[in-house]
């Protein structure tokens, strides 16, 4: 009976994944291009921005009548999207590395702590709640674009980045620590 419930849960999860792939297949294709073929992604993004701008009557008229402007516009858009694609890919890698290093530190400290100190279940639960609160606070609270300037380096922007970076790091650390500590303490 227990195996049947595992099979049922796996079937439901697989069904949800297949439904998401079917529904978002175009988005998944764009995501794959973003990660593995950035030049193709920049071309697609440049075409998409033209499609969006075609709603503007002046843009459409200029697009259809001025070949030189059209060629320059495509080139500029592709360069801009290629640059932002590489910047975003770098930011994704950076975020992954920070989370992985934080989890690794939590793993080591939890492993050592499980053999030396005793933390009650209630304290672990409180730590999990605090970590969830910190992670959610950092996700929902960060302003980013609304306070952005042209250079992106003003003091309010730096405080915004630093504060929510600290919340994320401590939240991720506490979450990983409590999970890993509980595992090593039982093991």
C-alpha atoms as a PDB file:
ATOM      1  CA  UNK A   1       0.000   0.000   0.000  1.00  0.00           C
ATOM      2  CA  UNK A   2       2.860   2.362   0.831  1.00  0.00           C
ATOM      3  CA  UNK A   3       4.472   1.792  -2.589  1.00  0.00           C
ATOM      4  CA  UNK A   4       1.156   2.549  -4.269  1.00  0.00           C
ATOM      5  CA  UNK A   5       1.011   5.956  -2.577  1.00  0.00           C
ATOM      6  CA  UNK A   6       4.557   6.727  -3.789  1.00  0.00           C
ATOM      7  CA  UNK A   7       3.568   5.749  -7.319  1.00  0.00           C
ATOM      8  CA  UNK A   8       0.446   7.901  -7.091  1.00  0.00           C
ATOM      9  CA  UNK A   9       2.415  10.950  -5.870  1.00  0.00           C
ATOM     10  CA  UNK A  10       5.074  10.416  -8.571  1.00  0.00           C
ATOM     11  CA  UNK A  11       2.318  10.148 -11.208  1.00  0.00           C
ATOM     12  CA  UNK A  12       0.706  13.403 -10.074  1.00  0.00           C
ATOM     13  CA  UNK A  13       4.073  15.211 -10.044  1.00  0.00           C
ATOM     14  CA  UNK A  14       4.899  13.850 -13.512  1.00  0.00           C
ATOM     15  CA  UNK A  15       1.461  14.942 -14.769  1.00  0.00           C
ATOM     16  CA  UNK A  16       1.983  18.470 -13.455  1.00  0.00           C
ATOM     17  CA  UNK A  17       5.429  18.634 -15.088  1.00  0.00           C
ATOM     18  CA  UNK A  18       4.084  17.435 -18.442  1.00  0.00           C
ATOM     19  CA  UNK A  19       1.176  19.913 -18.256  1.00  0.00           C
ATOM     20  CA  UNK A  20       3.613  22.755 -17.487  1.00  0.00           C
ATOM     21  CA  UNK A  21       5.864  21.774 -20.384  1.00  0.00           C
ATOM     22  CA  UNK A  22       2.917  21.705 -22.784  1.00  0.00           C
ATOM     23  CA  UNK A  23       1.565  25.021 -21.519  1.00  0.00           C
ATOM     24  CA  UNK A  24       4.924  26.814 -21.383  1.00  0.00           C
ATOM     25  CA  UNK A  25       6.739  25.051 -24.234  1.00  0.00           C
ATOM     26  CA  UNK A  26       7.562  28.330 -25.978  1.00  0.00           C
ATOM     27  CA  UNK A  27       8.919  29.773 -22.742  1.00  0.00           C
ATOM     28  CA  UNK A  28      10.954  26.642 -22.081  1.00  0.00           C
ATOM     29  CA  UNK A  29      12.416  26.893 -25.581  1.00  0.00           C
ATOM     30  CA  UNK A  30      13.366  30.517 -24.890  1.00  0.00           C
ATOM     31  CA  UNK A  31      14.875  29.506 -21.556  1.00  0.00           C
ATOM     32  CA  UNK A  32      16.994  26.818 -23.219  1.00  0.00           C
ATOM     33  CA  UNK A  33      18.153  29.342 -25.820  1.00  0.00           C
ATOM     34  CA  UNK A  34      18.927  31.825 -23.043  1.00  0.00           C
ATOM     35  CA  UNK A  35      21.250  29.367 -21.295  1.00  0.00           C
ATOM     36  CA  UNK A  36      22.766  27.470 -24.208  1.00  0.00           C
ATOM     37  CA  UNK A  37      22.479  29.725 -27.278  1.00  0.00           C
ATOM     38  CA  UNK A  38      22.641  33.373 -26.160  1.00  0.00           C
ATOM     39  CA  UNK A  39      23.067  34.722 -29.718  1.00  0.00           C
ATOM     40  CA  UNK A  40      19.870  32.994 -30.839  1.00  0.00           C
ATOM     41  CA  UNK A  41      18.109  34.261 -27.715  1.00  0.00           C
ATOM     42  CA  UNK A  42      19.236  37.845 -28.461  1.00  0.00           C
ATOM     43  CA  UNK A  43      17.877  37.517 -32.022  1.00  0.00           C
ATOM     44  CA  UNK A  44      14.525  36.266 -30.708  1.00  0.00           C
ATOM     45  CA  UNK A  45      14.390  39.039 -28.084  1.00  0.00           C
ATOM     46  CA  UNK A  46      15.147  41.678 -30.735  1.00  0.00           C
ATOM     47  CA  UNK A  47      12.346  40.315 -32.941  1.00  0.00           C
ATOM     48  CA  UNK A  48       9.993  40.289 -29.976  1.00  0.00           C
ATOM     49  CA  UNK A  49      10.669  43.921 -29.113  1.00  0.00           C
ATOM     50  CA  UNK A  50       9.908  44.848 -32.732  1.00  0.00           C
ATOM     51  CA  UNK A  51       6.602  42.965 -32.445  1.00  0.00           C
ATOM     52  CA  UNK A  52       5.783  44.918 -29.275  1.00  0.00           C
ATOM     53  CA  UNK A  53       6.776  48.257 -30.827  1.00  0.00           C
ATOM     54  CA  UNK A  54       4.657  47.610 -33.926  1.00  0.00           C
ATOM     55  CA  UNK A  55       1.658  48.663 -31.839  1.00  0.00           C
ATOM     56  CA  UNK A  56       3.012  52.216 -32.052  1.00  0.00           C
ATOM     57  CA  UNK A  57       1.829  53.823 -35.310  1.00  0.00           C
ATOM     58  CA  UNK A  58       4.978  55.985 -35.747  1.00  0.00           C
ATOM     59  CA  UNK A  59       7.299  53.025 -35.152  1.00  0.00           C
ATOM     60  CA  UNK A  60       5.404  50.857 -37.624  1.00  0.00           C
ATOM     61  CA  UNK A  61       5.513  53.535 -40.313  1.00  0.00           C
ATOM     62  CA  UNK A  62       9.236  54.135 -39.836  1.00  0.00           C
ATOM     63  CA  UNK A  63       9.886  50.364 -39.774  1.00  0.00           C
ATOM     64  CA  UNK A  64       8.118  49.842 -43.083  1.00  0.00           C
ATOM     65  CA  UNK A  65       9.616  52.840 -44.923  1.00  0.00           C
ATOM     66  CA  UNK A  66      13.196  53.324 -43.689  1.00  0.00           C
ATOM     67  CA  UNK A  67      15.445  50.300 -44.402  1.00  0.00           C
ATOM     68  CA  UNK A  68      18.608  51.865 -42.962  1.00  0.00           C
ATOM     69  CA  UNK A  69      16.872  52.733 -39.687  1.00  0.00           C
ATOM     70  CA  UNK A  70      15.374  49.229 -39.583  1.00  0.00           C
ATOM     71  CA  UNK A  71      18.811  47.595 -40.008  1.00  0.00           C
ATOM     72  CA  UNK A  72      20.409  49.838 -37.371  1.00  0.00           C
ATOM     73  CA  UNK A  73      17.547  49.230 -34.979  1.00  0.00           C
ATOM     74  CA  UNK A  74      17.843  45.432 -35.296  1.00  0.00           C
ATOM     75  CA  UNK A  75      21.598  45.616 -34.736  1.00  0.00           C
ATOM     76  CA  UNK A  76      21.262  47.876 -31.667  1.00  0.00           C
ATOM     77  CA  UNK A  77      18.507  45.738 -30.152  1.00  0.00           C
ATOM     78  CA  UNK A  78      20.467  42.525 -30.661  1.00  0.00           C
ATOM     79  CA  UNK A  79      23.612  44.036 -29.072  1.00  0.00           C
ATOM     80  CA  UNK A  80      21.592  45.354 -26.122  1.00  0.00           C
ATOM     81  CA  UNK A  81      19.834  42.016 -25.555  1.00  0.00           C
ATOM     82  CA  UNK A  82      23.058  40.034 -25.935  1.00  0.00           C
ATOM     83  CA  UNK A  83      24.744  42.241 -23.335  1.00  0.00           C
ATOM     84  CA  UNK A  84      21.827  41.924 -20.903  1.00  0.00           C
ATOM     85  CA  UNK A  85      21.648  38.158 -21.533  1.00  0.00           C
ATOM     86  CA  UNK A  86      25.277  37.691 -20.524  1.00  0.00           C
ATOM     87  CA  UNK A  87      24.800  39.972 -17.527  1.00  0.00           C
ATOM     88  CA  UNK A  88      21.725  38.014 -16.361  1.00  0.00           C
ATOM     89  CA  UNK A  89      23.437  34.655 -16.917  1.00  0.00           C
ATOM     90  CA  UNK A  90      26.349  35.869 -14.794  1.00  0.00           C
ATOM     91  CA  UNK A  91      23.956  36.997 -12.083  1.00  0.00           C
ATOM     92  CA  UNK A  92      22.208  33.606 -12.091  1.00  0.00           C
ATOM     93  CA  UNK A  93      25.585  31.829 -11.724  1.00  0.00           C
ATOM     94  CA  UNK A  94      26.573  34.210  -8.942  1.00  0.00           C
ATOM     95  CA  UNK A  95      23.328  33.573  -7.045  1.00  0.00           C
ATOM     96  CA  UNK A  96      23.723  29.804  -7.446  1.00  0.00           C
ATOM     97  CA  UNK A  97      27.292  29.954  -6.116  1.00  0.00           C
ATOM     98  CA  UNK A  98      26.280  32.039  -3.095  1.00  0.00           C
ATOM     99  CA  UNK A  99      23.425  29.669  -2.215  1.00  0.00           C
ATOM    100  CA  UNK A 100      25.632  26.591  -2.710  1.00  0.00           C
ATOM    101  CA  UNK A 101      28.441  28.025  -0.554  1.00  0.00           C
ATOM    102  CA  UNK A 102      25.998  29.062   2.163  1.00  0.00           C
ATOM    103  CA  UNK A 103      24.418  25.589   2.170  1.00  0.00           C
ATOM    104  CA  UNK A 104      27.882  23.997   2.275  1.00  0.00           C
ATOM    105  CA  UNK A 105      28.863  26.126   5.277  1.00  0.00           C
ATOM    106  CA  UNK A 106      25.599  25.234   6.997  1.00  0.00           C
ATOM    107  CA  UNK A 107      26.286  21.558   6.266  1.00  0.00           C
ATOM    108  CA  UNK A 108      29.728  21.717   7.882  1.00  0.00           C
ATOM    109  CA  UNK A 109      28.599  23.671  10.922  1.00  0.00           C
ATOM    110  CA  UNK A 110      25.535  21.457  11.411  1.00  0.00           C
ATOM    111  CA  UNK A 111      27.672  18.321  11.128  1.00  0.00           C
ATOM    112  CA  UNK A 112      30.069  19.595  13.796  1.00  0.00           C
ATOM    113  CA  UNK A 113      27.270  21.008  15.990  1.00  0.00           C
ATOM    114  CA  UNK A 114      25.202  17.820  15.942  1.00  0.00           C
ATOM    115  CA  UNK A 115      28.021  15.997  17.714  1.00  0.00           C
ATOM    116  CA  UNK A 116      28.828  18.730  20.228  1.00  0.00           C
ATOM    117  CA  UNK A 117      25.672  20.654  21.212  1.00  0.00           C
ATOM    118  CA  UNK A 118      22.048  19.734  21.707  1.00  0.00           C
ATOM    119  CA  UNK A 119      19.348  21.919  20.194  1.00  0.00           C
ATOM    120  CA  UNK A 120      15.743  21.171  21.106  1.00  0.00           C
ATOM    121  CA  UNK A 121      13.032  20.523  18.524  1.00  0.00           C
ATOM    122  CA  UNK A 122      11.270  23.737  19.547  1.00  0.00           C
ATOM    123  CA  UNK A 123      14.397  25.830  18.966  1.00  0.00           C
ATOM    124  CA  UNK A 124      14.935  24.143  15.580  1.00  0.00           C
ATOM    125  CA  UNK A 125      11.323  24.904  14.649  1.00  0.00           C
ATOM    126  CA  UNK A 126      11.769  28.532  15.712  1.00  0.00           C
ATOM    127  CA  UNK A 127      14.958  28.746  13.640  1.00  0.00           C
ATOM    128  CA  UNK A 128      13.080  27.353  10.614  1.00  0.00           C
ATOM    129  CA  UNK A 129      10.300  29.912  11.037  1.00  0.00           C
ATOM    130  CA  UNK A 130      12.833  32.733  11.355  1.00  0.00           C
ATOM    131  CA  UNK A 131      14.655  31.513   8.230  1.00  0.00           C
ATOM    132  CA  UNK A 132      11.425  31.335   6.229  1.00  0.00           C
ATOM    133  CA  UNK A 133      10.493  34.829   7.428  1.00  0.00           C
ATOM    134  CA  UNK A 134      13.907  36.228   6.431  1.00  0.00           C
ATOM    135  CA  UNK A 135      13.850  34.611   2.977  1.00  0.00           C
ATOM    136  CA  UNK A 136      10.293  35.790   2.274  1.00  0.00           C
ATOM    137  CA  UNK A 137      11.106  39.277   3.566  1.00  0.00           C
ATOM    138  CA  UNK A 138      14.090  39.484   1.238  1.00  0.00           C
ATOM    139  CA  UNK A 139      12.123  38.251  -1.773  1.00  0.00           C
ATOM    140  CA  UNK A 140       9.137  40.525  -1.296  1.00  0.00           C
ATOM    141  CA  UNK A 141      10.885  43.573   0.150  1.00  0.00           C
ATOM    142  CA  UNK A 142      13.681  44.320  -2.285  1.00  0.00           C
ATOM    143  CA  UNK A 143      12.936  47.436  -4.296  1.00  0.00           C
ATOM    144  CA  UNK A 144      15.529  47.195  -7.046  1.00  0.00           C
ATOM    145  CA  UNK A 145      14.065  48.920 -10.096  1.00  0.00           C
ATOM    146  CA  UNK A 146      11.849  51.552  -8.348  1.00  0.00           C
ATOM    147  CA  UNK A 147      14.918  53.228  -6.795  1.00  0.00           C
ATOM    148  CA  UNK A 148      17.313  52.568  -9.656  1.00  0.00           C
ATOM    149  CA  UNK A 149      19.334  55.429 -11.091  1.00  0.00           C
ATOM    150  CA  UNK A 150      21.273  55.511 -14.322  1.00  0.00           C
ATOM    151  CA  UNK A 151      24.502  54.351 -12.702  1.00  0.00           C
ATOM    152  CA  UNK A 152      22.841  51.966 -10.255  1.00  0.00           C
ATOM    153  CA  UNK A 153      25.397  52.781  -7.558  1.00  0.00           C
ATOM    154  CA  UNK A 154      23.669  55.275  -5.253  1.00  0.00           C
ATOM    155  CA  UNK A 155      23.776  54.784  -1.496  1.00  0.00           C
ATOM    156  CA  UNK A 156      20.070  53.801  -1.231  1.00  0.00           C
ATOM    157  CA  UNK A 157      20.590  51.192  -3.973  1.00  0.00           C
ATOM    158  CA  UNK A 158      23.656  49.784  -2.230  1.00  0.00           C
ATOM    159  CA  UNK A 159      21.812  49.580   1.106  1.00  0.00           C
ATOM    160  CA  UNK A 160      18.870  47.894  -0.674  1.00  0.00           C
ATOM    161  CA  UNK A 161      21.189  45.261  -2.164  1.00  0.00           C
ATOM    162  CA  UNK A 162      23.211  44.736   1.032  1.00  0.00           C
ATOM    163  CA  UNK A 163      20.255  44.472   3.423  1.00  0.00           C
ATOM    164  CA  UNK A 164      18.393  41.915   1.351  1.00  0.00           C
ATOM    165  CA  UNK A 165      21.610  40.015   0.593  1.00  0.00           C
ATOM    166  CA  UNK A 166      22.196  39.670   4.352  1.00  0.00           C
ATOM    167  CA  UNK A 167      18.596  38.536   4.895  1.00  0.00           C
ATOM    168  CA  UNK A 168      18.963  35.912   2.164  1.00  0.00           C
ATOM    169  CA  UNK A 169      22.289  34.590   3.440  1.00  0.00           C
ATOM    170  CA  UNK A 170      21.134  34.240   7.037  1.00  0.00           C
ATOM    171  CA  UNK A 171      17.768  32.832   5.982  1.00  0.00           C
ATOM    172  CA  UNK A 172      19.338  30.229   3.695  1.00  0.00           C
ATOM    173  CA  UNK A 173      21.969  29.369   6.291  1.00  0.00           C
ATOM    174  CA  UNK A 174      19.406  28.866   9.062  1.00  0.00           C
ATOM    175  CA  UNK A 175      17.117  26.810   6.845  1.00  0.00           C
ATOM    176  CA  UNK A 176      19.931  24.524   5.701  1.00  0.00           C
ATOM    177  CA  UNK A 177      21.417  24.311   9.189  1.00  0.00           C
ATOM    178  CA  UNK A 178      18.165  23.255  10.840  1.00  0.00           C
ATOM    179  CA  UNK A 179      17.444  20.610   8.216  1.00  0.00           C
ATOM    180  CA  UNK A 180      20.956  19.171   8.227  1.00  0.00           C
ATOM    181  CA  UNK A 181      21.346  19.372  12.017  1.00  0.00           C
ATOM    182  CA  UNK A 182      18.131  17.409  12.489  1.00  0.00           C
ATOM    183  CA  UNK A 183      19.363  14.758  10.067  1.00  0.00           C
ATOM    184  CA  UNK A 184      22.772  14.336  11.728  1.00  0.00           C
ATOM    185  CA  UNK A 185      21.322  14.391  15.226  1.00  0.00           C
ATOM    186  CA  UNK A 186      18.985  11.504  14.380  1.00  0.00           C
ATOM    187  CA  UNK A 187      21.618   9.604  12.389  1.00  0.00           C
END
